[in-house]
Amino acid sequence: MKAEYVNSFYKATKEVFQLLVDIEPKRGELKLVEELKNSKDANVKLGVKGDLKGAILFSFPKDMTLELVKIMSGMEMDKIDKFTTSALGEIANIIGGNAFIFLSEHNLSCDITPPEIFIGEYNPSPWEKEKALLLPLTTPIGEFDITINLKENN
């Protein structure tokens, strides 16, 4: 997997978080993982098609999810419900769209599928049981992950 894939998602995440919630995520150490899987409380998956194919998984712990949605909406949240998952899906969608704008600078044309939201541990489908890159991010309101499983569509 090329560095520009990961860098595009990091740059997009950083910009979207700064714009929407005035928080700058700090990048952790990139890790190779065996599959697109995460055990955090709320997960949003974006499928990718076009010059690249695969999926991106955004994974958030419960406390961070509730605080993130509170900052965005101004409403106190006490559980992960349809409102909070909708907000997470929209954040992931915006990040994905922005990342693909950055990737277009590398002559890559991609589209994302609508967000799929999973509460609790996300277990991958058989086609997602391939090595992926896990990008951990730290913010003042919690740590979250972006797992990137992309390859060129030949």
N, C-alpha and C. Protein backbone atom coordinates (compact mmCIF):
# COMPACT_ATOMS: atom_id res chain seq x y z
N MET A 1 0.85 -1.18 0.00
CA MET A 1 0.00 0.00 0.00
C MET A 1 0.89 1.24 0.00
N LYS A 2 0.54 2.17 -0.81
CA LYS A 2 1.38 3.36 -0.97
C LYS A 2 1.14 4.39 0.14
N ALA A 3 2.18 5.13 0.44
CA ALA A 3 2.11 6.14 1.49
C ALA A 3 1.04 7.19 1.21
N GLU A 4 0.84 7.53 -0.07
CA GLU A 4 -0.15 8.58 -0.35
C GLU A 4 -1.57 8.18 0.04
N TYR A 5 -1.86 6.87 0.09
CA TYR A 5 -3.19 6.43 0.53
C TYR A 5 -3.40 6.81 1.99
N VAL A 6 -2.44 6.42 2.82
CA VAL A 6 -2.53 6.70 4.26
C VAL A 6 -2.46 8.20 4.51
N ASN A 7 -1.52 8.87 3.87
CA ASN A 7 -1.35 10.31 4.08
C ASN A 7 -2.59 11.10 3.68
N SER A 8 -3.26 10.67 2.62
CA SER A 8 -4.48 11.36 2.19
C SER A 8 -5.58 11.24 3.24
N PHE A 9 -5.71 10.05 3.84
CA PHE A 9 -6.73 9.88 4.88
C PHE A 9 -6.35 10.62 6.16
N TYR A 10 -5.08 10.64 6.50
CA TYR A 10 -4.67 11.39 7.69
C TYR A 10 -4.92 12.89 7.49
N LYS A 11 -4.50 13.41 6.34
CA LYS A 11 -4.68 14.84 6.06
C LYS A 11 -6.17 15.21 6.06
N ALA A 12 -6.99 14.38 5.44
CA ALA A 12 -8.43 14.65 5.40
C ALA A 12 -9.04 14.60 6.80
N THR A 13 -8.64 13.61 7.60
CA THR A 13 -9.16 13.48 8.97
C THR A 13 -8.78 14.70 9.80
N LYS A 14 -7.54 15.10 9.69
CA LYS A 14 -7.04 16.26 10.43
C LYS A 14 -7.85 17.51 10.07
N GLU A 15 -8.04 17.75 8.79
CA GLU A 15 -8.78 18.94 8.34
C GLU A 15 -10.24 18.90 8.77
N VAL A 16 -10.89 17.74 8.63
CA VAL A 16 -12.31 17.64 8.98
C VAL A 16 -12.50 17.81 10.49
N PHE A 17 -11.66 17.19 11.30
CA PHE A 17 -11.78 17.35 12.75
C PHE A 17 -11.53 18.80 13.16
N GLN A 18 -10.56 19.46 12.55
CA GLN A 18 -10.30 20.86 12.88
C GLN A 18 -11.50 21.72 12.51
N LEU A 19 -12.10 21.46 11.37
CA LEU A 19 -13.23 22.25 10.90
C LEU A 19 -14.49 22.00 11.73
N LEU A 20 -14.84 20.73 11.96
CA LEU A 20 -16.11 20.39 12.60
C LEU A 20 -16.09 20.51 14.12
N VAL A 21 -14.98 20.15 14.76
CA VAL A 21 -14.97 20.11 16.22
C VAL A 21 -13.78 20.84 16.85
N ASP A 22 -12.99 21.52 16.01
CA ASP A 22 -11.84 22.30 16.48
C ASP A 22 -10.86 21.46 17.30
N ILE A 23 -10.60 20.24 16.80
CA ILE A 23 -9.66 19.32 17.44
C ILE A 23 -8.68 18.84 16.38
N GLU A 24 -7.40 18.79 16.76
CA GLU A 24 -6.39 18.29 15.83
C GLU A 24 -5.94 16.90 16.24
N PRO A 25 -6.30 15.88 15.45
CA PRO A 25 -5.83 14.52 15.76
C PRO A 25 -4.33 14.40 15.53
N LYS A 26 -3.67 13.71 16.45
CA LYS A 26 -2.23 13.44 16.32
C LYS A 26 -2.05 12.00 15.87
N ARG A 27 -1.18 11.83 14.92
CA ARG A 27 -0.94 10.54 14.31
C ARG A 27 -0.09 9.65 15.20
N GLY A 28 -0.52 8.39 15.36
CA GLY A 28 0.26 7.40 16.08
C GLY A 28 1.10 6.60 15.10
N GLU A 29 1.68 5.52 15.59
CA GLU A 29 2.52 4.68 14.75
C GLU A 29 1.67 3.73 13.91
N LEU A 30 1.90 3.76 12.63
CA LEU A 30 1.20 2.91 11.68
C LEU A 30 1.52 1.44 11.96
N LYS A 31 0.49 0.58 11.92
CA LYS A 31 0.69 -0.84 12.20
C LYS A 31 0.09 -1.67 11.07
N LEU A 32 0.75 -2.76 10.75
CA LEU A 32 0.21 -3.72 9.81
C LEU A 32 -0.68 -4.68 10.60
N VAL A 33 -1.93 -4.86 10.15
CA VAL A 33 -2.85 -5.79 10.80
C VAL A 33 -3.27 -6.86 9.80
N GLU A 34 -3.73 -7.96 10.31
CA GLU A 34 -4.05 -9.11 9.46
C GLU A 34 -5.35 -8.95 8.68
N GLU A 35 -6.26 -8.10 9.18
CA GLU A 35 -7.56 -7.95 8.51
C GLU A 35 -8.22 -6.65 8.94
N LEU A 36 -9.28 -6.31 8.23
CA LEU A 36 -10.05 -5.11 8.52
C LEU A 36 -10.97 -5.42 9.70
N LYS A 37 -10.45 -5.30 10.93
CA LYS A 37 -11.19 -5.70 12.12
C LYS A 37 -10.88 -4.70 13.22
N ASN A 38 -11.87 -4.42 14.07
CA ASN A 38 -11.62 -3.54 15.20
C ASN A 38 -12.59 -3.85 16.31
N SER A 39 -12.15 -3.68 17.56
CA SER A 39 -13.01 -4.00 18.70
C SER A 39 -13.52 -2.76 19.43
N LYS A 40 -13.38 -1.60 18.81
CA LYS A 40 -13.91 -0.38 19.44
C LYS A 40 -15.45 -0.42 19.37
N ASP A 41 -16.10 0.53 20.07
CA ASP A 41 -17.55 0.48 20.26
C ASP A 41 -18.38 0.87 19.04
N ALA A 42 -17.88 1.80 18.23
CA ALA A 42 -18.64 2.26 17.07
C ALA A 42 -17.71 2.27 15.86
N ASN A 43 -18.13 1.62 14.79
CA ASN A 43 -17.31 1.48 13.59
C ASN A 43 -18.09 1.92 12.37
N VAL A 44 -17.42 2.65 11.48
CA VAL A 44 -18.03 3.08 10.23
C VAL A 44 -17.15 2.59 9.09
N LYS A 45 -17.75 1.85 8.18
CA LYS A 45 -17.00 1.32 7.04
C LYS A 45 -17.43 2.03 5.77
N LEU A 46 -16.42 2.47 5.00
CA LEU A 46 -16.66 3.02 3.67
C LEU A 46 -16.04 2.07 2.66
N GLY A 47 -16.83 1.63 1.70
CA GLY A 47 -16.28 0.84 0.61
C GLY A 47 -15.65 1.78 -0.41
N VAL A 48 -14.67 1.29 -1.14
CA VAL A 48 -13.95 2.11 -2.12
C VAL A 48 -13.99 1.38 -3.46
N LYS A 49 -14.27 2.14 -4.52
CA LYS A 49 -14.26 1.58 -5.86
C LYS A 49 -13.67 2.61 -6.81
N GLY A 50 -13.25 2.14 -7.96
CA GLY A 50 -12.61 3.02 -8.93
C GLY A 50 -11.19 2.55 -9.17
N ASP A 51 -10.24 3.49 -9.27
CA ASP A 51 -8.83 3.13 -9.48
C ASP A 51 -8.27 2.34 -8.29
N LEU A 52 -8.86 2.54 -7.12
CA LEU A 52 -8.51 1.76 -5.93
C LEU A 52 -9.75 0.98 -5.51
N LYS A 53 -9.54 -0.16 -4.89
CA LYS A 53 -10.68 -0.91 -4.35
C LYS A 53 -10.33 -1.37 -2.95
N GLY A 54 -11.35 -1.53 -2.14
CA GLY A 54 -11.14 -1.97 -0.77
C GLY A 54 -12.11 -1.30 0.16
N ALA A 55 -11.64 -1.03 1.38
CA ALA A 55 -12.50 -0.43 2.40
C ALA A 55 -11.67 0.34 3.41
N ILE A 56 -12.33 1.28 4.05
CA ILE A 56 -11.75 2.08 5.12
C ILE A 56 -12.66 1.88 6.33
N LEU A 57 -12.08 1.61 7.49
CA LEU A 57 -12.86 1.42 8.71
C LEU A 57 -12.44 2.46 9.74
N PHE A 58 -13.40 3.28 10.16
CA PHE A 58 -13.18 4.26 11.22
C PHE A 58 -13.74 3.65 12.49
N SER A 59 -12.96 3.61 13.56
CA SER A 59 -13.38 2.93 14.80
C SER A 59 -13.20 3.86 16.00
N PHE A 60 -14.29 4.04 16.76
CA PHE A 60 -14.31 4.98 17.87
C PHE A 60 -14.76 4.30 19.17
N PRO A 61 -14.15 4.65 20.30
CA PRO A 61 -14.67 4.18 21.58
C PRO A 61 -15.95 4.95 21.93
N LYS A 62 -16.76 4.37 22.79
CA LYS A 62 -18.05 4.97 23.16
C LYS A 62 -17.90 6.39 23.70
N ASP A 63 -17.01 6.59 24.68
CA ASP A 63 -16.88 7.92 25.30
C ASP A 63 -16.50 8.98 24.27
N MET A 64 -15.61 8.65 23.38
CA MET A 64 -15.21 9.62 22.36
C MET A 64 -16.36 9.89 21.39
N THR A 65 -17.09 8.85 21.03
CA THR A 65 -18.24 9.01 20.13
C THR A 65 -19.23 10.00 20.73
N LEU A 66 -19.57 9.80 22.00
CA LEU A 66 -20.56 10.67 22.65
C LEU A 66 -20.05 12.10 22.77
N GLU A 67 -18.78 12.28 23.10
CA GLU A 67 -18.21 13.62 23.23
C GLU A 67 -18.12 14.31 21.88
N LEU A 68 -17.75 13.58 20.85
CA LEU A 68 -17.65 14.12 19.50
C LEU A 68 -19.01 14.65 19.02
N VAL A 69 -20.03 13.84 19.22
CA VAL A 69 -21.38 14.24 18.79
C VAL A 69 -21.89 15.39 19.66
N LYS A 70 -21.55 15.41 20.94
CA LYS A 70 -21.93 16.51 21.83
C LYS A 70 -21.32 17.83 21.33
N ILE A 71 -20.03 17.80 20.98
CA ILE A 71 -19.38 19.01 20.48
C ILE A 71 -20.04 19.48 19.19
N MET A 72 -20.35 18.54 18.30
CA MET A 72 -20.95 18.91 17.01
C MET A 72 -22.38 19.43 17.15
N SER A 73 -23.15 18.80 18.02
CA SER A 73 -24.58 19.11 18.08
C SER A 73 -24.97 20.03 19.23
N GLY A 74 -24.11 20.11 20.25
CA GLY A 74 -24.45 20.89 21.43
C GLY A 74 -25.39 20.15 22.37
N MET A 75 -25.67 18.87 22.06
CA MET A 75 -26.59 18.09 22.89
C MET A 75 -25.83 17.03 23.68
N GLU A 76 -26.21 16.88 24.94
CA GLU A 76 -25.60 15.85 25.80
C GLU A 76 -26.09 14.48 25.34
N MET A 77 -25.15 13.57 25.13
CA MET A 77 -25.50 12.24 24.66
C MET A 77 -25.11 11.23 25.74
N ASP A 78 -25.96 10.21 25.96
CA ASP A 78 -25.61 9.20 26.97
C ASP A 78 -25.51 7.79 26.41
N LYS A 79 -25.86 7.62 25.13
CA LYS A 79 -25.72 6.30 24.52
C LYS A 79 -25.50 6.45 23.02
N ILE A 80 -24.97 5.41 22.43
CA ILE A 80 -24.80 5.39 20.98
C ILE A 80 -26.14 4.97 20.38
N ASP A 81 -26.77 5.90 19.71
CA ASP A 81 -28.09 5.64 19.12
C ASP A 81 -28.07 6.03 17.65
N LYS A 82 -29.25 6.10 17.04
CA LYS A 82 -29.32 6.43 15.61
C LYS A 82 -28.75 7.81 15.30
N PHE A 83 -28.97 8.77 16.21
CA PHE A 83 -28.46 10.11 16.00
C PHE A 83 -26.92 10.11 16.01
N THR A 84 -26.34 9.46 17.01
CA THR A 84 -24.88 9.46 17.10
C THR A 84 -24.25 8.68 15.95
N THR A 85 -24.85 7.56 15.57
CA THR A 85 -24.27 6.78 14.47
C THR A 85 -24.42 7.52 13.15
N SER A 86 -25.50 8.26 12.99
CA SER A 86 -25.68 9.07 11.79
C SER A 86 -24.60 10.14 11.70
N ALA A 87 -24.30 10.77 12.84
CA ALA A 87 -23.25 11.80 12.87
C ALA A 87 -21.88 11.19 12.54
N LEU A 88 -21.58 10.02 13.11
CA LEU A 88 -20.31 9.35 12.81
C LEU A 88 -20.22 8.99 11.33
N GLY A 89 -21.32 8.49 10.78
CA GLY A 89 -21.35 8.15 9.36
C GLY A 89 -21.08 9.36 8.50
N GLU A 90 -21.63 10.49 8.88
CA GLU A 90 -21.42 11.71 8.10
C GLU A 90 -19.98 12.19 8.20
N ILE A 91 -19.39 12.11 9.38
CA ILE A 91 -17.98 12.49 9.55
C ILE A 91 -17.10 11.62 8.65
N ALA A 92 -17.32 10.30 8.70
CA ALA A 92 -16.54 9.37 7.88
C ALA A 92 -16.72 9.67 6.39
N ASN A 93 -17.94 9.97 6.00
CA ASN A 93 -18.25 10.28 4.61
C ASN A 93 -17.49 11.53 4.14
N ILE A 94 -17.47 12.56 4.96
CA ILE A 94 -16.77 13.79 4.61
C ILE A 94 -15.26 13.53 4.53
N ILE A 95 -14.73 12.80 5.50
CA ILE A 95 -13.30 12.47 5.47
C ILE A 95 -12.97 11.68 4.21
N GLY A 96 -13.77 10.67 3.90
CA GLY A 96 -13.54 9.87 2.70
C GLY A 96 -13.56 10.70 1.43
N GLY A 97 -14.56 11.57 1.31
CA GLY A 97 -14.63 12.44 0.13
C GLY A 97 -13.42 13.33 0.01
N ASN A 98 -13.00 13.91 1.12
CA ASN A 98 -11.81 14.79 1.09
C ASN A 98 -10.54 14.01 0.77
N ALA A 99 -10.43 12.79 1.34
CA ALA A 99 -9.24 11.97 1.06
C ALA A 99 -9.14 11.67 -0.42
N PHE A 100 -10.26 11.41 -1.07
CA PHE A 100 -10.21 11.09 -2.49
C PHE A 100 -9.94 12.32 -3.36
N ILE A 101 -10.25 13.49 -2.85
CA ILE A 101 -9.82 14.71 -3.54
C ILE A 101 -8.29 14.78 -3.50
N PHE A 102 -7.70 14.48 -2.31
CA PHE A 102 -6.24 14.48 -2.22
C PHE A 102 -5.63 13.40 -3.12
N LEU A 103 -6.26 12.23 -3.17
CA LEU A 103 -5.74 11.15 -4.02
C LEU A 103 -5.85 11.49 -5.50
N SER A 104 -6.82 12.33 -5.86
CA SER A 104 -6.94 12.72 -7.27
C SER A 104 -5.72 13.52 -7.73
N GLU A 105 -5.01 14.14 -6.77
CA GLU A 105 -3.77 14.84 -7.10
C GLU A 105 -2.67 13.85 -7.54
N HIS A 106 -2.89 12.56 -7.25
CA HIS A 106 -1.97 11.49 -7.66
C HIS A 106 -2.56 10.71 -8.84
N ASN A 107 -3.49 11.36 -9.55
CA ASN A 107 -4.15 10.77 -10.73
C ASN A 107 -4.92 9.50 -10.40
N LEU A 108 -5.54 9.47 -9.24
CA LEU A 108 -6.40 8.35 -8.86
C LEU A 108 -7.84 8.84 -8.78
N SER A 109 -8.73 8.12 -9.42
CA SER A 109 -10.15 8.47 -9.39
C SER A 109 -10.90 7.37 -8.65
N CYS A 110 -11.53 7.74 -7.53
CA CYS A 110 -12.22 6.77 -6.69
C CYS A 110 -13.55 7.32 -6.22
N ASP A 111 -14.44 6.42 -5.87
CA ASP A 111 -15.71 6.76 -5.25
C ASP A 111 -15.84 5.95 -3.97
N ILE A 112 -16.65 6.47 -3.04
CA ILE A 112 -16.92 5.72 -1.83
C ILE A 112 -18.37 5.27 -1.83
N THR A 113 -18.61 4.14 -1.20
CA THR A 113 -19.98 3.66 -1.04
C THR A 113 -20.56 4.32 0.21
N PRO A 114 -21.87 4.33 0.35
CA PRO A 114 -22.46 4.93 1.56
C PRO A 114 -21.91 4.25 2.83
N PRO A 115 -21.81 5.02 3.90
CA PRO A 115 -21.25 4.47 5.14
C PRO A 115 -22.11 3.33 5.70
N GLU A 116 -21.44 2.31 6.20
CA GLU A 116 -22.10 1.23 6.94
C GLU A 116 -21.64 1.35 8.38
N ILE A 117 -22.60 1.33 9.30
CA ILE A 117 -22.28 1.57 10.70
C ILE A 117 -22.49 0.28 11.49
N PHE A 118 -21.51 -0.03 12.33
CA PHE A 118 -21.54 -1.23 13.15
C PHE A 118 -21.29 -0.84 14.59
N ILE A 119 -22.19 -1.24 15.48
CA ILE A 119 -22.02 -0.98 16.91
C ILE A 119 -21.39 -2.23 17.52
N GLY A 120 -20.33 -2.03 18.28
CA GLY A 120 -19.59 -3.16 18.84
C GLY A 120 -18.51 -3.59 17.88
N GLU A 121 -17.85 -4.67 18.21
CA GLU A 121 -16.72 -5.15 17.43
C GLU A 121 -17.10 -5.38 15.98
N TYR A 122 -16.26 -4.92 15.08
CA TYR A 122 -16.48 -5.14 13.66
C TYR A 122 -15.68 -6.35 13.21
N ASN A 123 -16.36 -7.34 12.68
CA ASN A 123 -15.71 -8.53 12.14
C ASN A 123 -15.80 -8.49 10.62
N PRO A 124 -14.70 -8.67 9.95
CA PRO A 124 -14.67 -8.50 8.50
C PRO A 124 -15.35 -9.63 7.74
N SER A 125 -15.83 -9.28 6.55
CA SER A 125 -16.35 -10.29 5.64
C SER A 125 -15.15 -11.03 5.04
N PRO A 126 -15.37 -12.17 4.41
CA PRO A 126 -14.23 -12.95 3.89
C PRO A 126 -13.30 -12.16 2.96
N TRP A 127 -13.84 -11.30 2.12
CA TRP A 127 -12.97 -10.56 1.20
C TRP A 127 -12.13 -9.49 1.91
N GLU A 128 -12.48 -9.17 3.15
CA GLU A 128 -11.72 -8.18 3.90
C GLU A 128 -10.64 -8.82 4.78
N LYS A 129 -10.48 -10.11 4.70
CA LYS A 129 -9.48 -10.80 5.52
C LYS A 129 -8.13 -10.75 4.82
N GLU A 130 -7.71 -9.55 4.55
CA GLU A 130 -6.41 -9.29 3.94
C GLU A 130 -5.68 -8.30 4.83
N LYS A 131 -4.38 -8.25 4.69
CA LYS A 131 -3.59 -7.32 5.49
C LYS A 131 -4.06 -5.88 5.22
N ALA A 132 -4.05 -5.08 6.26
CA ALA A 132 -4.46 -3.68 6.17
C ALA A 132 -3.52 -2.86 7.06
N LEU A 133 -3.61 -1.55 6.92
CA LEU A 133 -2.82 -0.65 7.75
C LEU A 133 -3.74 0.02 8.77
N LEU A 134 -3.33 -0.01 10.03
CA LEU A 134 -4.08 0.61 11.11
C LEU A 134 -3.37 1.90 11.49
N LEU A 135 -4.08 3.01 11.36
CA LEU A 135 -3.55 4.32 11.72
C LEU A 135 -4.25 4.78 13.00
N PRO A 136 -3.57 4.70 14.16
CA PRO A 136 -4.17 5.19 15.39
C PRO A 136 -4.04 6.71 15.47
N LEU A 137 -5.08 7.35 15.96
CA LEU A 137 -5.08 8.81 16.11
C LEU A 137 -5.49 9.16 17.54
N THR A 138 -4.82 10.17 18.08
CA THR A 138 -5.08 10.62 19.45
C THR A 138 -5.61 12.04 19.42
N THR A 139 -6.64 12.28 20.22
CA THR A 139 -7.21 13.62 20.36
C THR A 139 -7.40 13.90 21.85
N PRO A 140 -7.69 15.15 22.22
CA PRO A 140 -7.96 15.45 23.63
C PRO A 140 -9.21 14.73 24.16
N ILE A 141 -10.10 14.25 23.27
CA ILE A 141 -11.31 13.59 23.74
C ILE A 141 -11.26 12.07 23.56
N GLY A 142 -10.14 11.54 23.11
CA GLY A 142 -10.02 10.09 23.00
C GLY A 142 -9.19 9.66 21.80
N GLU A 143 -8.98 8.36 21.73
CA GLU A 143 -8.20 7.78 20.64
C GLU A 143 -9.13 7.00 19.73
N PHE A 144 -8.87 7.08 18.43
CA PHE A 144 -9.64 6.31 17.47
C PHE A 144 -8.71 5.80 16.39
N ASP A 145 -9.23 4.89 15.57
CA ASP A 145 -8.42 4.25 14.54
C ASP A 145 -9.04 4.41 13.17
N ILE A 146 -8.16 4.45 12.18
CA ILE A 146 -8.59 4.31 10.79
C ILE A 146 -7.82 3.12 10.24
N THR A 147 -8.55 2.11 9.79
CA THR A 147 -7.93 0.94 9.20
C THR A 147 -8.15 1.03 7.69
N ILE A 148 -7.04 0.96 6.95
CA ILE A 148 -7.06 1.20 5.50
C ILE A 148 -6.69 -0.07 4.77
N ASN A 149 -7.61 -0.54 3.94
CA ASN A 149 -7.38 -1.72 3.12
C ASN A 149 -7.66 -1.33 1.68
N LEU A 150 -6.63 -0.84 0.97
CA LEU A 150 -6.81 -0.38 -0.40
C LEU A 150 -5.75 -1.02 -1.30
N LYS A 151 -6.15 -1.33 -2.49
CA LYS A 151 -5.19 -1.78 -3.49
C LYS A 151 -5.64 -1.29 -4.85
N GLU A 152 -4.68 -1.22 -5.75
CA GLU A 152 -4.99 -0.73 -7.09
C GLU A 152 -5.88 -1.74 -7.80
N ASN A 153 -6.86 -1.21 -8.48
CA ASN A 153 -7.80 -2.03 -9.22
C ASN A 153 -7.27 -2.25 -10.62
N ASN A 154 -6.76 -3.43 -10.87
CA ASN A 154 -6.14 -3.71 -12.18
C ASN A 154 -7.16 -4.22 -13.18
